[in-house]
């Protein structure tokens, strides 16, 4: 029996050696269906997590007049001894009485006078910076805020038949039949149905709600000539 067992062991060993000398490799194991390929994520498609801030539609400055030239006015902002901004004045710049809305000429501005200026947000790369003026208000109200310059984006009516001017200042103005609508340069009277998107308006108010967007009820509104889209 021992001889037979030994013969079987030797026979199996010979078979194993024969298999090792054939040069054939064992088949590769099949990939597991649960294993996904290693693919790096596309980080460029991932959100940054922080929304990009919206560019301001305009810039506003409140201070005193530093100098007046034929086509430019320099302003020292409140609390500053140096010139903060040079406002270039053109035919598209409104110089207005800050209490009545009356149109004024550039020579109405006096050095040291309190003013509020509204300009385009992009200023020339100079010191001090320069920017095209949209509106300059003189004779500011003694109480409350200076007038607000805005462009009407939409005119809507709510379920209570209340009219709203949606402005690009992110403030909705409540307008009623009792709201005085002032024409520019004492022109023809303005009625509610003439309020259209694209109109430049000036509103007098000091309080806004904390809603989004904010809401205000102007004491009066000056209606300026319409502006072309994109200007």
C-alpha atoms as a PDB file:
ATOM      1  CA  UNK A   1       0.000   0.000   0.000  1.00  0.00           C
ATOM      2  CA  UNK A   2       2.823   2.381   0.831  1.00  0.00           C
ATOM      3  CA  UNK A   3       4.385   1.603  -2.542  1.00  0.00           C
ATOM      4  CA  UNK A   4       1.114   2.413  -4.334  1.00  0.00           C
ATOM      5  CA  UNK A   5       0.704   5.731  -2.424  1.00  0.00           C
ATOM      6  CA  UNK A   6       4.250   6.736  -3.252  1.00  0.00           C
ATOM      7  CA  UNK A   7       3.665   6.013  -6.916  1.00  0.00           C
ATOM      8  CA  UNK A   8       0.527   8.188  -6.921  1.00  0.00           C
ATOM      9  CA  UNK A   9       2.371  11.099  -5.312  1.00  0.00           C
ATOM     10  CA  UNK A  10       5.166  10.890  -7.855  1.00  0.00           C
ATOM     11  CA  UNK A  11       2.659  10.737 -10.706  1.00  0.00           C
ATOM     12  CA  UNK A  12       0.831  13.847  -9.491  1.00  0.00           C
ATOM     13  CA  UNK A  13       4.121  15.689  -9.152  1.00  0.00           C
ATOM     14  CA  UNK A  14       5.066  14.899 -12.706  1.00  0.00           C
ATOM     15  CA  UNK A  15       1.698  16.218 -13.927  1.00  0.00           C
ATOM     16  CA  UNK A  16       2.212  19.463 -11.947  1.00  0.00           C
ATOM     17  CA  UNK A  17       5.648  20.001 -13.430  1.00  0.00           C
ATOM     18  CA  UNK A  18       4.300  19.436 -16.894  1.00  0.00           C
ATOM     19  CA  UNK A  19       1.692  22.153 -16.350  1.00  0.00           C
ATOM     20  CA  UNK A  20       4.362  24.620 -15.253  1.00  0.00           C
ATOM     21  CA  UNK A  21       6.430  24.109 -18.373  1.00  0.00           C
ATOM     22  CA  UNK A  22       3.651  24.707 -20.914  1.00  0.00           C
ATOM     23  CA  UNK A  23       4.191  28.524 -20.881  1.00  0.00           C
ATOM     24  CA  UNK A  24       0.440  29.194 -20.498  1.00  0.00           C
ATOM     25  CA  UNK A  25      -0.604  31.823 -17.961  1.00  0.00           C
ATOM     26  CA  UNK A  26      -3.737  31.401 -15.889  1.00  0.00           C
ATOM     27  CA  UNK A  27      -6.688  33.529 -16.985  1.00  0.00           C
ATOM     28  CA  UNK A  28      -6.947  36.960 -15.340  1.00  0.00           C
ATOM     29  CA  UNK A  29      -9.679  37.284 -12.748  1.00  0.00           C
ATOM     30  CA  UNK A  30     -12.805  38.995 -14.015  1.00  0.00           C
ATOM     31  CA  UNK A  31     -13.408  42.531 -12.713  1.00  0.00           C
ATOM     32  CA  UNK A  32     -15.938  42.871  -9.944  1.00  0.00           C
ATOM     33  CA  UNK A  33     -19.140  44.567 -11.165  1.00  0.00           C
ATOM     34  CA  UNK A  34     -19.152  46.713  -8.006  1.00  0.00           C
ATOM     35  CA  UNK A  35     -15.842  48.378  -8.804  1.00  0.00           C
ATOM     36  CA  UNK A  36     -16.155  51.621 -10.787  1.00  0.00           C
ATOM     37  CA  UNK A  37     -13.273  53.011 -12.833  1.00  0.00           C
ATOM     38  CA  UNK A  38     -11.096  55.600 -11.134  1.00  0.00           C
ATOM     39  CA  UNK A  39     -12.128  58.838 -12.833  1.00  0.00           C
ATOM     40  CA  UNK A  40     -11.007  62.186 -11.443  1.00  0.00           C
ATOM     41  CA  UNK A  41     -13.875  64.637 -10.874  1.00  0.00           C
ATOM     42  CA  UNK A  42     -14.187  67.638 -13.166  1.00  0.00           C
ATOM     43  CA  UNK A  43     -13.485  70.336 -10.612  1.00  0.00           C
ATOM     44  CA  UNK A  44     -14.118  73.041 -13.202  1.00  0.00           C
ATOM     45  CA  UNK A  45     -17.805  72.066 -13.294  1.00  0.00           C
ATOM     46  CA  UNK A  46     -18.247  72.283  -9.546  1.00  0.00           C
ATOM     47  CA  UNK A  47     -19.940  75.420  -8.133  1.00  0.00           C
ATOM     48  CA  UNK A  48     -17.682  77.751  -6.230  1.00  0.00           C
ATOM     49  CA  UNK A  49     -20.124  77.928  -3.319  1.00  0.00           C
ATOM     50  CA  UNK A  50     -20.115  81.741  -3.316  1.00  0.00           C
ATOM     51  CA  UNK A  51     -22.293  83.650  -5.797  1.00  0.00           C
ATOM     52  CA  UNK A  52     -20.446  86.352  -7.656  1.00  0.00           C
ATOM     53  CA  UNK A  53     -21.508  89.792  -6.395  1.00  0.00           C
ATOM     54  CA  UNK A  54     -23.604  91.864  -8.748  1.00  0.00           C
ATOM     55  CA  UNK A  55     -21.953  94.942 -10.109  1.00  0.00           C
ATOM     56  CA  UNK A  56     -23.497  98.190  -8.854  1.00  0.00           C
ATOM     57  CA  UNK A  57     -25.716 100.011 -11.334  1.00  0.00           C
ATOM     58  CA  UNK A  58     -24.425 103.400 -10.171  1.00  0.00           C
ATOM     59  CA  UNK A  59     -22.208 105.072  -7.615  1.00  0.00           C
ATOM     60  CA  UNK A  60     -23.371 107.763  -5.179  1.00  0.00           C
ATOM     61  CA  UNK A  61     -21.367 110.447  -3.391  1.00  0.00           C
ATOM     62  CA  UNK A  62     -22.457 112.937  -0.730  1.00  0.00           C
ATOM     63  CA  UNK A  63     -20.156 115.756   0.331  1.00  0.00           C
ATOM     64  CA  UNK A  64     -19.177 119.291  -0.614  1.00  0.00           C
ATOM     65  CA  UNK A  65     -18.066 120.872  -3.866  1.00  0.00           C
ATOM     66  CA  UNK A  66     -14.273 121.177  -4.098  1.00  0.00           C
ATOM     67  CA  UNK A  67     -14.081 122.919  -7.484  1.00  0.00           C
ATOM     68  CA  UNK A  68     -16.257 123.742 -10.472  1.00  0.00           C
ATOM     69  CA  UNK A  69     -15.053 123.898 -14.076  1.00  0.00           C
ATOM     70  CA  UNK A  70     -16.863 124.116 -17.392  1.00  0.00           C
ATOM     71  CA  UNK A  71     -17.516 120.395 -17.669  1.00  0.00           C
ATOM     72  CA  UNK A  72     -16.506 118.863 -14.354  1.00  0.00           C
ATOM     73  CA  UNK A  73     -17.185 119.140 -10.647  1.00  0.00           C
ATOM     74  CA  UNK A  74     -14.920 117.774  -7.931  1.00  0.00           C
ATOM     75  CA  UNK A  75     -16.477 116.538  -4.695  1.00  0.00           C
ATOM     76  CA  UNK A  76     -15.013 115.934  -1.253  1.00  0.00           C
ATOM     77  CA  UNK A  77     -17.045 113.196   0.360  1.00  0.00           C
ATOM     78  CA  UNK A  78     -18.366 113.734   3.873  1.00  0.00           C
ATOM     79  CA  UNK A  79     -15.507 113.240   6.338  1.00  0.00           C
ATOM     80  CA  UNK A  80     -12.789 113.605   3.690  1.00  0.00           C
ATOM     81  CA  UNK A  81     -10.403 116.528   3.243  1.00  0.00           C
ATOM     82  CA  UNK A  82      -9.230 115.376  -0.185  1.00  0.00           C
ATOM     83  CA  UNK A  83     -11.108 115.210  -3.474  1.00  0.00           C
ATOM     84  CA  UNK A  84     -12.976 111.879  -3.632  1.00  0.00           C
ATOM     85  CA  UNK A  85     -14.390 112.012  -7.160  1.00  0.00           C
ATOM     86  CA  UNK A  86     -14.345 114.250 -10.221  1.00  0.00           C
ATOM     87  CA  UNK A  87     -17.762 114.184 -11.905  1.00  0.00           C
ATOM     88  CA  UNK A  88     -17.695 114.955 -15.605  1.00  0.00           C
ATOM     89  CA  UNK A  89     -20.745 116.911 -16.726  1.00  0.00           C
ATOM     90  CA  UNK A  90     -22.364 116.471 -20.161  1.00  0.00           C
ATOM     91  CA  UNK A  91     -25.736 116.978 -21.819  1.00  0.00           C
ATOM     92  CA  UNK A  92     -26.841 113.718 -20.139  1.00  0.00           C
ATOM     93  CA  UNK A  93     -26.084 115.035 -16.630  1.00  0.00           C
ATOM     94  CA  UNK A  94     -29.032 116.420 -14.690  1.00  0.00           C
ATOM     95  CA  UNK A  95     -28.252 119.183 -12.192  1.00  0.00           C
ATOM     96  CA  UNK A  96     -31.313 119.439  -9.973  1.00  0.00           C
ATOM     97  CA  UNK A  97     -32.554 121.230  -6.902  1.00  0.00           C
ATOM     98  CA  UNK A  98     -32.583 118.568  -4.198  1.00  0.00           C
ATOM     99  CA  UNK A  99     -35.858 119.823  -2.729  1.00  0.00           C
ATOM    100  CA  UNK A 100     -37.972 120.982  -5.673  1.00  0.00           C
ATOM    101  CA  UNK A 101     -36.479 119.036  -8.602  1.00  0.00           C
ATOM    102  CA  UNK A 102     -35.965 122.260 -10.571  1.00  0.00           C
ATOM    103  CA  UNK A 103     -33.305 122.049 -13.298  1.00  0.00           C
ATOM    104  CA  UNK A 104     -30.131 124.046 -12.634  1.00  0.00           C
ATOM    105  CA  UNK A 105     -27.017 125.056 -14.592  1.00  0.00           C
ATOM    106  CA  UNK A 106     -23.508 124.003 -13.640  1.00  0.00           C
ATOM    107  CA  UNK A 107     -22.655 127.542 -12.595  1.00  0.00           C
ATOM    108  CA  UNK A 108     -25.278 127.189  -9.868  1.00  0.00           C
ATOM    109  CA  UNK A 109     -22.832 125.040  -7.900  1.00  0.00           C
ATOM    110  CA  UNK A 110     -20.730 126.833  -5.315  1.00  0.00           C
ATOM    111  CA  UNK A 111     -17.474 125.715  -3.725  1.00  0.00           C
ATOM    112  CA  UNK A 112     -18.139 124.332  -0.248  1.00  0.00           C
ATOM    113  CA  UNK A 113     -21.822 123.682  -0.993  1.00  0.00           C
ATOM    114  CA  UNK A 114     -23.304 120.366   0.107  1.00  0.00           C
ATOM    115  CA  UNK A 115     -24.243 118.166  -2.861  1.00  0.00           C
ATOM    116  CA  UNK A 116     -25.156 114.598  -3.704  1.00  0.00           C
ATOM    117  CA  UNK A 117     -23.878 113.143  -6.984  1.00  0.00           C
ATOM    118  CA  UNK A 118     -24.904 110.032  -8.890  1.00  0.00           C
ATOM    119  CA  UNK A 119     -22.428 108.692 -11.439  1.00  0.00           C
ATOM    120  CA  UNK A 120     -21.798 105.667 -13.598  1.00  0.00           C
ATOM    121  CA  UNK A 121     -19.943 102.964 -11.656  1.00  0.00           C
ATOM    122  CA  UNK A 122     -16.862 102.837 -13.917  1.00  0.00           C
ATOM    123  CA  UNK A 123     -14.405 105.614 -13.175  1.00  0.00           C
ATOM    124  CA  UNK A 124     -11.314 106.614 -15.140  1.00  0.00           C
ATOM    125  CA  UNK A 125      -8.056 105.273 -13.724  1.00  0.00           C
ATOM    126  CA  UNK A 126      -6.791 108.575 -12.383  1.00  0.00           C
ATOM    127  CA  UNK A 127      -6.166 110.221  -9.060  1.00  0.00           C
ATOM    128  CA  UNK A 128      -8.670 111.376  -8.064  1.00  0.00           C
ATOM    129  CA  UNK A 129     -10.965 109.075 -10.070  1.00  0.00           C
ATOM    130  CA  UNK A 130     -13.286 110.516 -12.697  1.00  0.00           C
ATOM    131  CA  UNK A 131     -16.733 109.257 -13.669  1.00  0.00           C
ATOM    132  CA  UNK A 132     -19.543 110.512 -15.937  1.00  0.00           C
ATOM    133  CA  UNK A 133     -22.268 112.201 -13.942  1.00  0.00           C
ATOM    134  CA  UNK A 134     -25.917 111.192 -14.175  1.00  0.00           C
ATOM    135  CA  UNK A 135     -27.339 113.613 -11.609  1.00  0.00           C
ATOM    136  CA  UNK A 136     -26.041 116.242  -9.202  1.00  0.00           C
ATOM    137  CA  UNK A 137     -28.367 117.493  -6.483  1.00  0.00           C
ATOM    138  CA  UNK A 138     -27.877 120.868  -4.822  1.00  0.00           C
ATOM    139  CA  UNK A 139     -29.922 122.526  -2.068  1.00  0.00           C
ATOM    140  CA  UNK A 140     -30.288 119.185  -0.319  1.00  0.00           C
ATOM    141  CA  UNK A 141     -33.124 118.547   2.155  1.00  0.00           C
ATOM    142  CA  UNK A 142     -32.209 119.597   5.677  1.00  0.00           C
ATOM    143  CA  UNK A 143     -33.675 116.357   7.037  1.00  0.00           C
ATOM    144  CA  UNK A 144     -33.761 112.828   5.709  1.00  0.00           C
ATOM    145  CA  UNK A 145     -31.961 111.387   2.707  1.00  0.00           C
ATOM    146  CA  UNK A 146     -31.025 113.069  -0.570  1.00  0.00           C
ATOM    147  CA  UNK A 147     -33.306 112.282  -3.535  1.00  0.00           C
ATOM    148  CA  UNK A 148     -32.878 108.888  -5.195  1.00  0.00           C
ATOM    149  CA  UNK A 149     -32.100 108.650  -8.918  1.00  0.00           C
ATOM    150  CA  UNK A 150     -33.314 105.452 -10.607  1.00  0.00           C
ATOM    151  CA  UNK A 151     -34.494 103.954 -13.890  1.00  0.00           C
ATOM    152  CA  UNK A 152     -37.881 102.247 -14.110  1.00  0.00           C
ATOM    153  CA  UNK A 153     -37.588  98.570 -15.023  1.00  0.00           C
ATOM    154  CA  UNK A 154     -41.253  97.658 -14.807  1.00  0.00           C
ATOM    155  CA  UNK A 155     -44.651  99.122 -13.909  1.00  0.00           C
ATOM    156  CA  UNK A 156     -46.909  96.623 -12.165  1.00  0.00           C
ATOM    157  CA  UNK A 157     -50.261  96.519 -10.393  1.00  0.00           C
ATOM    158  CA  UNK A 158     -50.864  94.183  -7.453  1.00  0.00           C
ATOM    159  CA  UNK A 159     -54.054  92.382  -6.416  1.00  0.00           C
ATOM    160  CA  UNK A 160     -55.147  95.432  -4.442  1.00  0.00           C
ATOM    161  CA  UNK A 161     -54.889  97.587  -7.581  1.00  0.00           C
ATOM    162  CA  UNK A 162     -51.827  99.313  -6.166  1.00  0.00           C
ATOM    163  CA  UNK A 163     -49.300 100.588  -8.723  1.00  0.00           C
ATOM    164  CA  UNK A 164     -45.601  99.861  -8.230  1.00  0.00           C
ATOM    165  CA  UNK A 165     -42.540 101.157 -10.024  1.00  0.00           C
ATOM    166  CA  UNK A 166     -39.876  98.438 -10.042  1.00  0.00           C
ATOM    167  CA  UNK A 167     -36.572 100.326 -10.178  1.00  0.00           C
ATOM    168  CA  UNK A 168     -33.029  99.243 -10.925  1.00  0.00           C
ATOM    169  CA  UNK A 169     -32.124 100.384  -7.416  1.00  0.00           C
ATOM    170  CA  UNK A 170     -33.718  97.148  -6.124  1.00  0.00           C
ATOM    171  CA  UNK A 171     -36.453  99.229  -4.473  1.00  0.00           C
ATOM    172  CA  UNK A 172     -40.106  99.110  -5.484  1.00  0.00           C
ATOM    173  CA  UNK A 173     -41.851 102.459  -5.298  1.00  0.00           C
ATOM    174  CA  UNK A 174     -45.516 102.552  -4.285  1.00  0.00           C
ATOM    175  CA  UNK A 175     -47.394 105.088  -6.404  1.00  0.00           C
ATOM    176  CA  UNK A 176     -50.957 106.252  -5.872  1.00  0.00           C
ATOM    177  CA  UNK A 177     -53.258 108.833  -7.385  1.00  0.00           C
ATOM    178  CA  UNK A 178     -52.127 111.169  -4.577  1.00  0.00           C
ATOM    179  CA  UNK A 179     -48.412 110.890  -5.437  1.00  0.00           C
ATOM    180  CA  UNK A 180     -47.243 114.140  -7.084  1.00  0.00           C
ATOM    181  CA  UNK A 181     -45.628 113.408 -10.465  1.00  0.00           C
ATOM    182  CA  UNK A 182     -43.392 116.324 -11.403  1.00  0.00           C
ATOM    183  CA  UNK A 183     -42.442 116.953 -15.061  1.00  0.00           C
ATOM    184  CA  UNK A 184     -38.882 117.884 -15.964  1.00  0.00           C
ATOM    185  CA  UNK A 185     -38.333 121.602 -16.597  1.00  0.00           C
ATOM    186  CA  UNK A 186     -41.997 122.374 -15.938  1.00  0.00           C
ATOM    187  CA  UNK A 187     -43.089 120.404 -18.979  1.00  0.00           C
ATOM    188  CA  UNK A 188     -46.511 118.918 -19.633  1.00  0.00           C
ATOM    189  CA  UNK A 189     -48.194 117.275 -16.629  1.00  0.00           C
ATOM    190  CA  UNK A 190     -47.375 113.590 -16.117  1.00  0.00           C
ATOM    191  CA  UNK A 191     -50.123 111.074 -15.447  1.00  0.00           C
ATOM    192  CA  UNK A 192     -49.951 107.555 -14.010  1.00  0.00           C
ATOM    193  CA  UNK A 193     -50.566 105.871 -17.354  1.00  0.00           C
ATOM    194  CA  UNK A 194     -47.487 107.628 -18.801  1.00  0.00           C
ATOM    195  CA  UNK A 195     -45.086 105.858 -16.443  1.00  0.00           C
ATOM    196  CA  UNK A 196     -43.146 103.406 -18.610  1.00  0.00           C
ATOM    197  CA  UNK A 197     -40.043 101.186 -18.350  1.00  0.00           C
ATOM    198  CA  UNK A 198     -36.894 103.076 -19.313  1.00  0.00           C
ATOM    199  CA  UNK A 199     -37.939 106.334 -17.675  1.00  0.00           C
ATOM    200  CA  UNK A 200     -35.441 108.070 -15.441  1.00  0.00           C
ATOM    201  CA  UNK A 201     -37.075 109.081 -12.194  1.00  0.00           C
ATOM    202  CA  UNK A 202     -36.111 110.829  -8.986  1.00  0.00           C
ATOM    203  CA  UNK A 203     -37.912 109.907  -5.784  1.00  0.00           C
ATOM    204  CA  UNK A 204     -38.022 111.662  -2.434  1.00  0.00           C
ATOM    205  CA  UNK A 205     -38.301 109.241   0.468  1.00  0.00           C
ATOM    206  CA  UNK A 206     -36.386 108.482   3.648  1.00  0.00           C
ATOM    207  CA  UNK A 207     -37.754 105.108   4.729  1.00  0.00           C
ATOM    208  CA  UNK A 208     -37.691 101.708   3.048  1.00  0.00           C
ATOM    209  CA  UNK A 209     -38.900  98.326   4.247  1.00  0.00           C
ATOM    210  CA  UNK A 210     -36.445  95.527   5.035  1.00  0.00           C
ATOM    211  CA  UNK A 211     -38.081  93.216   2.508  1.00  0.00           C
ATOM    212  CA  UNK A 212     -36.381  91.854  -0.597  1.00  0.00           C
ATOM    213  CA  UNK A 213     -36.722  93.871  -2.699  1.00  0.00           C
ATOM    214  CA  UNK A 214     -37.231  96.866  -0.455  1.00  0.00           C
ATOM    215  CA  UNK A 215     -40.332  99.029  -0.748  1.00  0.00           C
ATOM    216  CA  UNK A 216     -40.716 102.780  -0.428  1.00  0.00           C
ATOM    217  CA  UNK A 217     -43.503 105.328  -0.712  1.00  0.00           C
ATOM    218  CA  UNK A 218     -42.088 108.497  -2.300  1.00  0.00           C
ATOM    219  CA  UNK A 219     -43.480 111.845  -1.215  1.00  0.00           C
ATOM    220  CA  UNK A 220     -43.118 112.934  -4.857  1.00  0.00           C
ATOM    221  CA  UNK A 221     -41.524 111.715  -8.074  1.00  0.00           C
ATOM    222  CA  UNK A 222     -39.738 113.749 -10.735  1.00  0.00           C
ATOM    223  CA  UNK A 223     -40.120 112.140 -14.166  1.00  0.00           C
ATOM    224  CA  UNK A 224     -37.127 112.709 -16.452  1.00  0.00           C
ATOM    225  CA  UNK A 225     -36.883 111.979 -20.184  1.00  0.00           C
ATOM    226  CA  UNK A 226     -36.758 108.311 -21.176  1.00  0.00           C
ATOM    227  CA  UNK A 227     -33.371 106.633 -21.564  1.00  0.00           C
ATOM    228  CA  UNK A 228     -32.368 104.209 -24.294  1.00  0.00           C
ATOM    229  CA  UNK A 229     -32.028 100.607 -23.148  1.00  0.00           C
ATOM    230  CA  UNK A 230     -28.535  99.788 -21.901  1.00  0.00           C
ATOM    231  CA  UNK A 231     -27.549 103.381 -21.119  1.00  0.00           C
END
